[in-house]
Amino acid sequence: IRRQRQMCIRDRSLGRPTPELLYEEMLKQQRQLTSRAMPGTTKTTWSSRGPNNLAGRTRALAVDPTVKSGKKIWAGAVTGGLWYNNDITSSTSTWQFVSSIWSNITVTCIAFDPNAPGTMYIGTGEGWGSTSSTSRGFGIFKSIDSGKTFTQLASSKSYLYINDMVVRSESGKSVLYVATDMQFANGSWHGTGTAGLMKSTNGGTSFSNIMPKIPCLLYTSDAADE
């Protein structure tokens, strides 16, 4: 289905889709919407929409498998870092911010290892369904102590946009799959050399791209979470 869609929207003269044109078109549409009615007039007054009364985009949610009650939830925010709540069923339980480097990182996906529940992976960089506020990522961060500490996987530093991630138990062995993307930002492409479906059988020490190249394209197709 994805390939058929790419064939339908491709530029025939180039033989490929042209997502690099989308950003300017999006800005054009935003300008048209803004020009219809500017806020701040007697008919459209300003009202507070944050930061305490409105959340931003939340790309990732995951139940912590190490907590038997199932009440601890992890959440990843777009340019808002990583958070957790120890009791999602309680109205008085507040969200806790994971400190250190997480303050401005775009967290897009969270995956736990089914064979080692205390091991979790955090994917960064908003590729699929991105907007003008999309932020580039910094690869994958891994914790082996249920989120107390994290380290960046050196093998993933070039993964600038991660759409999705999952750890599967295959014949009792944990296999990590990462859907990486590329994005046009600030006048150039980012992540073109690492787009695809990455696979690791050694906990993220190394990856291989298992996504085949599409004949009509010059690069390996990216993988999404459709």
C-alpha atoms as a PDB file:
ATOM      1  CA  ILE A   1       0.000   0.000   0.000  1.00  0.00           C
ATOM      2  CA  ARG A   2       2.788   2.412   0.910  1.00  0.00           C
ATOM      3  CA  ARG A   3       4.593   1.772  -2.366  1.00  0.00           C
ATOM      4  CA  GLN A   4       1.410   2.299  -4.368  1.00  0.00           C
ATOM      5  CA  ARG A   5       0.876   5.611  -2.596  1.00  0.00           C
ATOM      6  CA  GLN A   6       4.424   6.704  -3.395  1.00  0.00           C
ATOM      7  CA  MET A   7       3.901   5.825  -7.031  1.00  0.00           C
ATOM      8  CA  CYS A   8       0.690   7.905  -7.105  1.00  0.00           C
ATOM      9  CA  ILE A   9       2.223  11.032  -5.586  1.00  0.00           C
ATOM     10  CA  ARG A  10       5.599  10.940  -7.326  1.00  0.00           C
ATOM     11  CA  ASP A  11       6.808  13.700  -9.626  1.00  0.00           C
ATOM     12  CA  ARG A  12       6.980  12.006 -13.010  1.00  0.00           C
ATOM     13  CA  SER A  13       9.882  14.142 -14.193  1.00  0.00           C
ATOM     14  CA  LEU A  14      11.964  13.140 -11.158  1.00  0.00           C
ATOM     15  CA  GLY A  15      10.616   9.623 -10.711  1.00  0.00           C
ATOM     16  CA  ARG A  16      10.059  10.099  -6.976  1.00  0.00           C
ATOM     17  CA  PRO A  17       7.824  11.884  -4.456  1.00  0.00           C
ATOM     18  CA  THR A  18       8.911  15.422  -3.530  1.00  0.00           C
ATOM     19  CA  PRO A  19       8.341  15.817   0.231  1.00  0.00           C
ATOM     20  CA  GLU A  20      10.857  18.678   0.229  1.00  0.00           C
ATOM     21  CA  LEU A  21       8.086  20.878  -1.219  1.00  0.00           C
ATOM     22  CA  LEU A  22       5.673  20.185   1.627  1.00  0.00           C
ATOM     23  CA  TYR A  23       7.226  22.594   4.106  1.00  0.00           C
ATOM     24  CA  GLU A  24       6.697  25.683   1.963  1.00  0.00           C
ATOM     25  CA  GLU A  25       3.155  24.580   1.146  1.00  0.00           C
ATOM     26  CA  MET A  26       2.444  24.065   4.834  1.00  0.00           C
ATOM     27  CA  LEU A  27       3.679  27.587   5.613  1.00  0.00           C
ATOM     28  CA  LYS A  28       1.472  28.937   2.850  1.00  0.00           C
ATOM     29  CA  GLN A  29      -1.575  27.195   4.306  1.00  0.00           C
ATOM     30  CA  GLN A  30      -0.751  28.489   7.784  1.00  0.00           C
ATOM     31  CA  ARG A  31      -0.484  32.062   6.477  1.00  0.00           C
ATOM     32  CA  GLN A  32      -3.867  31.741   4.808  1.00  0.00           C
ATOM     33  CA  LEU A  33      -5.488  30.478   7.999  1.00  0.00           C
ATOM     34  CA  THR A  34      -3.868  33.176  10.108  1.00  0.00           C
ATOM     35  CA  SER A  35      -4.959  35.969   7.785  1.00  0.00           C
ATOM     36  CA  ARG A  36      -8.635  35.097   8.183  1.00  0.00           C
ATOM     37  CA  ALA A  37      -8.944  36.325  11.759  1.00  0.00           C
ATOM     38  CA  MET A  38      -6.056  37.503  13.899  1.00  0.00           C
ATOM     39  CA  PRO A  39      -6.448  36.908  17.666  1.00  0.00           C
ATOM     40  CA  GLY A  40      -6.565  39.749  20.116  1.00  0.00           C
ATOM     41  CA  THR A  41      -9.532  41.654  18.723  1.00  0.00           C
ATOM     42  CA  THR A  42     -12.861  42.195  20.442  1.00  0.00           C
ATOM     43  CA  LYS A  43     -14.247  39.148  18.643  1.00  0.00           C
ATOM     44  CA  THR A  44     -11.251  36.876  19.137  1.00  0.00           C
ATOM     45  CA  THR A  45      -9.675  37.561  22.508  1.00  0.00           C
ATOM     46  CA  TRP A  46      -6.556  35.897  23.838  1.00  0.00           C
ATOM     47  CA  SER A  47      -6.845  33.119  26.414  1.00  0.00           C
ATOM     48  CA  SER A  48      -4.156  31.129  28.187  1.00  0.00           C
ATOM     49  CA  ARG A  49      -3.417  27.785  26.536  1.00  0.00           C
ATOM     50  CA  GLY A  50      -0.419  26.667  28.527  1.00  0.00           C
ATOM     51  CA  PRO A  51       1.823  25.610  30.005  1.00  0.00           C
ATOM     52  CA  ASN A  52      -0.242  24.310  32.917  1.00  0.00           C
ATOM     53  CA  ASN A  53      -3.690  24.007  31.355  1.00  0.00           C
ATOM     54  CA  LEU A  54      -2.832  22.380  28.029  1.00  0.00           C
ATOM     55  CA  ALA A  55      -0.433  19.601  27.180  1.00  0.00           C
ATOM     56  CA  GLY A  56       1.684  19.410  24.050  1.00  0.00           C
ATOM     57  CA  ARG A  57       1.891  16.507  21.627  1.00  0.00           C
ATOM     58  CA  THR A  58       2.479  13.172  23.349  1.00  0.00           C
ATOM     59  CA  ARG A  59       3.977  10.659  20.934  1.00  0.00           C
ATOM     60  CA  ALA A  60       4.650   7.751  23.279  1.00  0.00           C
ATOM     61  CA  LEU A  61       2.868   6.005  26.159  1.00  0.00           C
ATOM     62  CA  ALA A  62       3.887   2.763  27.838  1.00  0.00           C
ATOM     63  CA  VAL A  63       2.869   0.798  30.922  1.00  0.00           C
ATOM     64  CA  ASP A  64       5.859  -0.161  33.062  1.00  0.00           C
ATOM     65  CA  PRO A  65       5.940  -3.999  33.110  1.00  0.00           C
ATOM     66  CA  THR A  66       8.048  -4.081  36.269  1.00  0.00           C
ATOM     67  CA  VAL A  67       5.211  -2.638  38.367  1.00  0.00           C
ATOM     68  CA  LYS A  68       2.673  -5.379  39.063  1.00  0.00           C
ATOM     69  CA  SER A  69      -0.215  -2.979  39.655  1.00  0.00           C
ATOM     70  CA  GLY A  70       0.078  -1.692  36.084  1.00  0.00           C
ATOM     71  CA  LYS A  71      -0.341   1.859  37.375  1.00  0.00           C
ATOM     72  CA  LYS A  72       3.060   3.282  36.433  1.00  0.00           C
ATOM     73  CA  ILE A  73       2.990   4.970  33.023  1.00  0.00           C
ATOM     74  CA  TRP A  74       5.798   6.396  30.920  1.00  0.00           C
ATOM     75  CA  ALA A  75       5.139   9.212  28.453  1.00  0.00           C
ATOM     76  CA  GLY A  76       7.245  10.818  25.748  1.00  0.00           C
ATOM     77  CA  ALA A  77       6.596  14.419  24.710  1.00  0.00           C
ATOM     78  CA  VAL A  78       7.544  16.206  21.500  1.00  0.00           C
ATOM     79  CA  THR A  79      10.410  18.578  22.453  1.00  0.00           C
ATOM     80  CA  GLY A  80       9.288  17.959  26.025  1.00  0.00           C
ATOM     81  CA  GLY A  81      11.345  14.990  27.162  1.00  0.00           C
ATOM     82  CA  LEU A  82      10.489  11.846  29.100  1.00  0.00           C
ATOM     83  CA  TRP A  83       8.004  11.641  31.997  1.00  0.00           C
ATOM     84  CA  TYR A  84       6.472   9.016  34.286  1.00  0.00           C
ATOM     85  CA  ASN A  85       3.521   8.767  36.646  1.00  0.00           C
ATOM     86  CA  ASN A  86       3.651   6.232  39.488  1.00  0.00           C
ATOM     87  CA  ASP A  87      -0.133   5.916  39.778  1.00  0.00           C
ATOM     88  CA  ILE A  88      -2.105   6.904  36.699  1.00  0.00           C
ATOM     89  CA  THR A  89      -5.363   6.001  38.456  1.00  0.00           C
ATOM     90  CA  SER A  90      -4.890   8.703  41.109  1.00  0.00           C
ATOM     91  CA  SER A  91      -5.899  12.304  40.431  1.00  0.00           C
ATOM     92  CA  THR A  92      -3.299  13.505  42.919  1.00  0.00           C
ATOM     93  CA  SER A  93      -0.374  11.553  41.472  1.00  0.00           C
ATOM     94  CA  THR A  94       1.779  14.012  39.533  1.00  0.00           C
ATOM     95  CA  TRP A  95       3.948  13.445  36.478  1.00  0.00           C
ATOM     96  CA  GLN A  96       7.663  13.233  37.233  1.00  0.00           C
ATOM     97  CA  PHE A  97      10.200  14.612  34.778  1.00  0.00           C
ATOM     98  CA  VAL A  98      13.248  12.518  33.930  1.00  0.00           C
ATOM     99  CA  SER A  99      16.014  15.066  34.394  1.00  0.00           C
ATOM    100  CA  SER A 100      19.481  15.503  32.920  1.00  0.00           C
ATOM    101  CA  ILE A 101      19.508  15.738  29.097  1.00  0.00           C
ATOM    102  CA  TRP A 102      15.783  15.185  28.595  1.00  0.00           C
ATOM    103  CA  SER A 103      14.501  18.767  28.856  1.00  0.00           C
ATOM    104  CA  ASN A 104      14.182  19.443  25.114  1.00  0.00           C
ATOM    105  CA  ILE A 105      14.476  16.030  23.492  1.00  0.00           C
ATOM    106  CA  THR A 106      11.681  14.792  21.250  1.00  0.00           C
ATOM    107  CA  VAL A 107      10.612  11.381  22.562  1.00  0.00           C
ATOM    108  CA  THR A 108       8.614   9.460  19.974  1.00  0.00           C
ATOM    109  CA  CYS A 109       8.486   5.848  21.152  1.00  0.00           C
ATOM    110  CA  ILE A 110       9.099   3.633  24.186  1.00  0.00           C
ATOM    111  CA  ALA A 111       9.769  -0.110  24.107  1.00  0.00           C
ATOM    112  CA  PHE A 112      10.347  -2.663  26.849  1.00  0.00           C
ATOM    113  CA  ASP A 113      12.227  -5.931  26.459  1.00  0.00           C
ATOM    114  CA  PRO A 114       9.773  -8.827  27.017  1.00  0.00           C
ATOM    115  CA  ASN A 115      12.631 -11.081  28.155  1.00  0.00           C
ATOM    116  CA  ALA A 116      14.079  -8.474  30.536  1.00  0.00           C
ATOM    117  CA  PRO A 117      11.275  -6.122  31.661  1.00  0.00           C
ATOM    118  CA  GLY A 118      13.715  -3.791  33.406  1.00  0.00           C
ATOM    119  CA  THR A 119      15.325  -2.999  30.047  1.00  0.00           C
ATOM    120  CA  MET A 120      13.696  -0.180  28.104  1.00  0.00           C
ATOM    121  CA  TYR A 121      14.505   1.756  24.959  1.00  0.00           C
ATOM    122  CA  ILE A 122      13.580   5.365  24.183  1.00  0.00           C
ATOM    123  CA  GLY A 123      13.427   6.537  20.548  1.00  0.00           C
ATOM    124  CA  THR A 124      13.830  10.210  19.625  1.00  0.00           C
ATOM    125  CA  GLY A 125      13.131  12.502  16.665  1.00  0.00           C
ATOM    126  CA  GLU A 126       9.687  13.129  15.168  1.00  0.00           C
ATOM    127  CA  GLY A 127       9.592  11.914  11.571  1.00  0.00           C
ATOM    128  CA  TRP A 128       6.179  10.471  10.772  1.00  0.00           C
ATOM    129  CA  GLY A 129       3.309  12.958  11.032  1.00  0.00           C
ATOM    130  CA  SER A 130       5.700  15.798  11.734  1.00  0.00           C
ATOM    131  CA  THR A 131       4.833  19.508  11.827  1.00  0.00           C
ATOM    132  CA  SER A 132       6.713  22.790  11.593  1.00  0.00           C
ATOM    133  CA  SER A 133       7.651  22.390  15.261  1.00  0.00           C
ATOM    134  CA  THR A 134       9.298  19.017  14.681  1.00  0.00           C
ATOM    135  CA  SER A 135      12.644  18.554  16.368  1.00  0.00           C
ATOM    136  CA  ARG A 136      15.512  16.321  15.308  1.00  0.00           C
ATOM    137  CA  GLY A 137      16.366  13.411  17.575  1.00  0.00           C
ATOM    138  CA  PHE A 138      19.506  11.950  19.103  1.00  0.00           C
ATOM    139  CA  GLY A 139      19.093   8.259  18.414  1.00  0.00           C
ATOM    140  CA  ILE A 140      18.090   5.678  21.020  1.00  0.00           C
ATOM    141  CA  PHE A 141      18.564   5.756  24.775  1.00  0.00           C
ATOM    142  CA  LYS A 142      18.642   2.520  26.780  1.00  0.00           C
ATOM    143  CA  SER A 143      18.064   1.723  30.443  1.00  0.00           C
ATOM    144  CA  ILE A 144      18.726  -1.621  32.121  1.00  0.00           C
ATOM    145  CA  ASP A 145      17.533  -0.531  35.574  1.00  0.00           C
ATOM    146  CA  SER A 146      13.854   0.284  34.899  1.00  0.00           C
ATOM    147  CA  GLY A 147      14.491   3.888  33.911  1.00  0.00           C
ATOM    148  CA  LYS A 148      16.727   4.973  36.779  1.00  0.00           C
ATOM    149  CA  THR A 149      19.622   5.703  34.415  1.00  0.00           C
ATOM    150  CA  PHE A 150      19.925   5.927  30.633  1.00  0.00           C
ATOM    151  CA  THR A 151      22.772   5.741  28.141  1.00  0.00           C
ATOM    152  CA  GLN A 152      22.727   6.668  24.479  1.00  0.00           C
ATOM    153  CA  LEU A 153      23.349   3.763  22.105  1.00  0.00           C
ATOM    154  CA  ALA A 154      26.452   4.768  20.154  1.00  0.00           C
ATOM    155  CA  SER A 155      25.282   2.732  17.168  1.00  0.00           C
ATOM    156  CA  SER A 156      22.126   4.856  16.882  1.00  0.00           C
ATOM    157  CA  LYS A 157      23.581   8.385  16.985  1.00  0.00           C
ATOM    158  CA  SER A 158      22.849   8.892  13.278  1.00  0.00           C
ATOM    159  CA  TYR A 159      19.159   7.954  13.695  1.00  0.00           C
ATOM    160  CA  LEU A 160      17.723  11.455  13.674  1.00  0.00           C
ATOM    161  CA  TYR A 161      14.046  10.563  13.268  1.00  0.00           C
ATOM    162  CA  ILE A 162      12.522   7.416  14.787  1.00  0.00           C
ATOM    163  CA  ASN A 163       8.894   6.604  13.966  1.00  0.00           C
ATOM    164  CA  ASP A 164       8.452   3.483  16.043  1.00  0.00           C
ATOM    165  CA  MET A 165      10.303   0.786  17.927  1.00  0.00           C
ATOM    166  CA  VAL A 166       9.538  -2.677  19.269  1.00  0.00           C
ATOM    167  CA  VAL A 167      11.409  -5.494  21.012  1.00  0.00           C
ATOM    168  CA  ARG A 168      10.273  -8.983  19.993  1.00  0.00           C
ATOM    169  CA  SER A 169      11.095 -12.293  21.604  1.00  0.00           C
ATOM    170  CA  GLU A 170      12.211 -14.546  18.762  1.00  0.00           C
ATOM    171  CA  SER A 171      12.970 -18.099  19.895  1.00  0.00           C
ATOM    172  CA  GLY A 172      13.630 -16.712  23.365  1.00  0.00           C
ATOM    173  CA  LYS A 173      16.054 -14.070  22.099  1.00  0.00           C
ATOM    174  CA  SER A 174      15.303 -10.331  22.266  1.00  0.00           C
ATOM    175  CA  VAL A 175      15.368  -8.614  18.870  1.00  0.00           C
ATOM    176  CA  LEU A 176      15.034  -4.833  18.581  1.00  0.00           C
ATOM    177  CA  TYR A 177      13.382  -3.302  15.504  1.00  0.00           C
ATOM    178  CA  VAL A 178      13.572   0.441  14.857  1.00  0.00           C
ATOM    179  CA  ALA A 179      11.633   2.310  12.146  1.00  0.00           C
ATOM    180  CA  THR A 180      13.892   5.211  11.158  1.00  0.00           C
ATOM    181  CA  ASP A 181      12.914   8.147   8.976  1.00  0.00           C
ATOM    182  CA  MET A 182      14.361  11.169   7.204  1.00  0.00           C
ATOM    183  CA  GLN A 183      13.112  14.746   7.194  1.00  0.00           C
ATOM    184  CA  PHE A 184      13.517  17.965   5.252  1.00  0.00           C
ATOM    185  CA  ALA A 185      14.366  20.799   7.629  1.00  0.00           C
ATOM    186  CA  ASN A 186      16.206  24.118   7.459  1.00  0.00           C
ATOM    187  CA  GLY A 187      16.774  23.808   3.744  1.00  0.00           C
ATOM    188  CA  SER A 188      18.267  20.310   3.617  1.00  0.00           C
ATOM    189  CA  TRP A 189      17.550  16.632   4.182  1.00  0.00           C
ATOM    190  CA  HIS A 190      18.505  14.953   7.439  1.00  0.00           C
ATOM    191  CA  GLY A 191      18.790  11.229   8.048  1.00  0.00           C
ATOM    192  CA  THR A 192      18.724  10.141   4.404  1.00  0.00           C
ATOM    193  CA  GLY A 193      21.491   7.601   4.909  1.00  0.00           C
ATOM    194  CA  THR A 194      19.847   5.895   7.869  1.00  0.00           C
ATOM    195  CA  ALA A 195      16.182   5.667   6.850  1.00  0.00           C
ATOM    196  CA  GLY A 196      14.706   2.186   6.888  1.00  0.00           C
ATOM    197  CA  LEU A 197      13.967  -0.636   9.287  1.00  0.00           C
ATOM    198  CA  MET A 198      16.879  -1.299  11.600  1.00  0.00           C
ATOM    199  CA  LYS A 199      17.343  -4.619  13.371  1.00  0.00           C
ATOM    200  CA  SER A 200      19.553  -5.467  16.335  1.00  0.00           C
ATOM    201  CA  THR A 201      20.068  -8.864  17.926  1.00  0.00           C
ATOM    202  CA  ASN A 202      22.590  -7.672  20.519  1.00  0.00           C
ATOM    203  CA  GLY A 203      20.671  -5.099  22.534  1.00  0.00           C
ATOM    204  CA  GLY A 204      21.462  -2.181  20.262  1.00  0.00           C
ATOM    205  CA  THR A 205      25.226  -2.610  20.104  1.00  0.00           C
ATOM    206  CA  SER A 206      24.922  -2.811  16.319  1.00  0.00           C
ATOM    207  CA  PHE A 207      22.155  -2.583  13.719  1.00  0.00           C
ATOM    208  CA  SER A 208      21.485  -3.735  10.176  1.00  0.00           C
ATOM    209  CA  ASN A 209      19.013  -2.186   7.762  1.00  0.00           C
ATOM    210  CA  ILE A 210      16.592  -4.877   6.618  1.00  0.00           C
ATOM    211  CA  MET A 211      14.368  -2.599   4.524  1.00  0.00           C
ATOM    212  CA  PRO A 212      14.832  -3.276   0.773  1.00  0.00           C
ATOM    213  CA  LYS A 213      15.339  -0.450  -1.684  1.00  0.00           C
ATOM    214  CA  ILE A 214      12.366   0.504  -3.848  1.00  0.00           C
ATOM    215  CA  PRO A 215      13.303   0.347  -7.564  1.00  0.00           C
ATOM    216  CA  CYS A 216      11.855   3.775  -8.408  1.00  0.00           C
ATOM    217  CA  LEU A 217      13.684   5.492  -5.544  1.00  0.00           C
ATOM    218  CA  LEU A 218      17.354   6.271  -5.041  1.00  0.00           C
ATOM    219  CA  TYR A 219      17.276   5.508  -1.331  1.00  0.00           C
ATOM    220  CA  THR A 220      15.966   2.902   1.090  1.00  0.00           C
ATOM    221  CA  SER A 221      12.352   3.577   1.980  1.00  0.00           C
ATOM    222  CA  ASP A 222      11.580   4.694   5.506  1.00  0.00           C
ATOM    223  CA  ALA A 223       9.351   2.640   7.777  1.00  0.00           C
ATOM    224  CA  ALA A 224       6.288   4.019   9.569  1.00  0.00           C
ATOM    225  CA  ASP A 225       3.919   2.778  12.282  1.00  0.00           C
ATOM    226  CA  GLU A 226       0.813   2.534  10.070  1.00  0.00           C
END
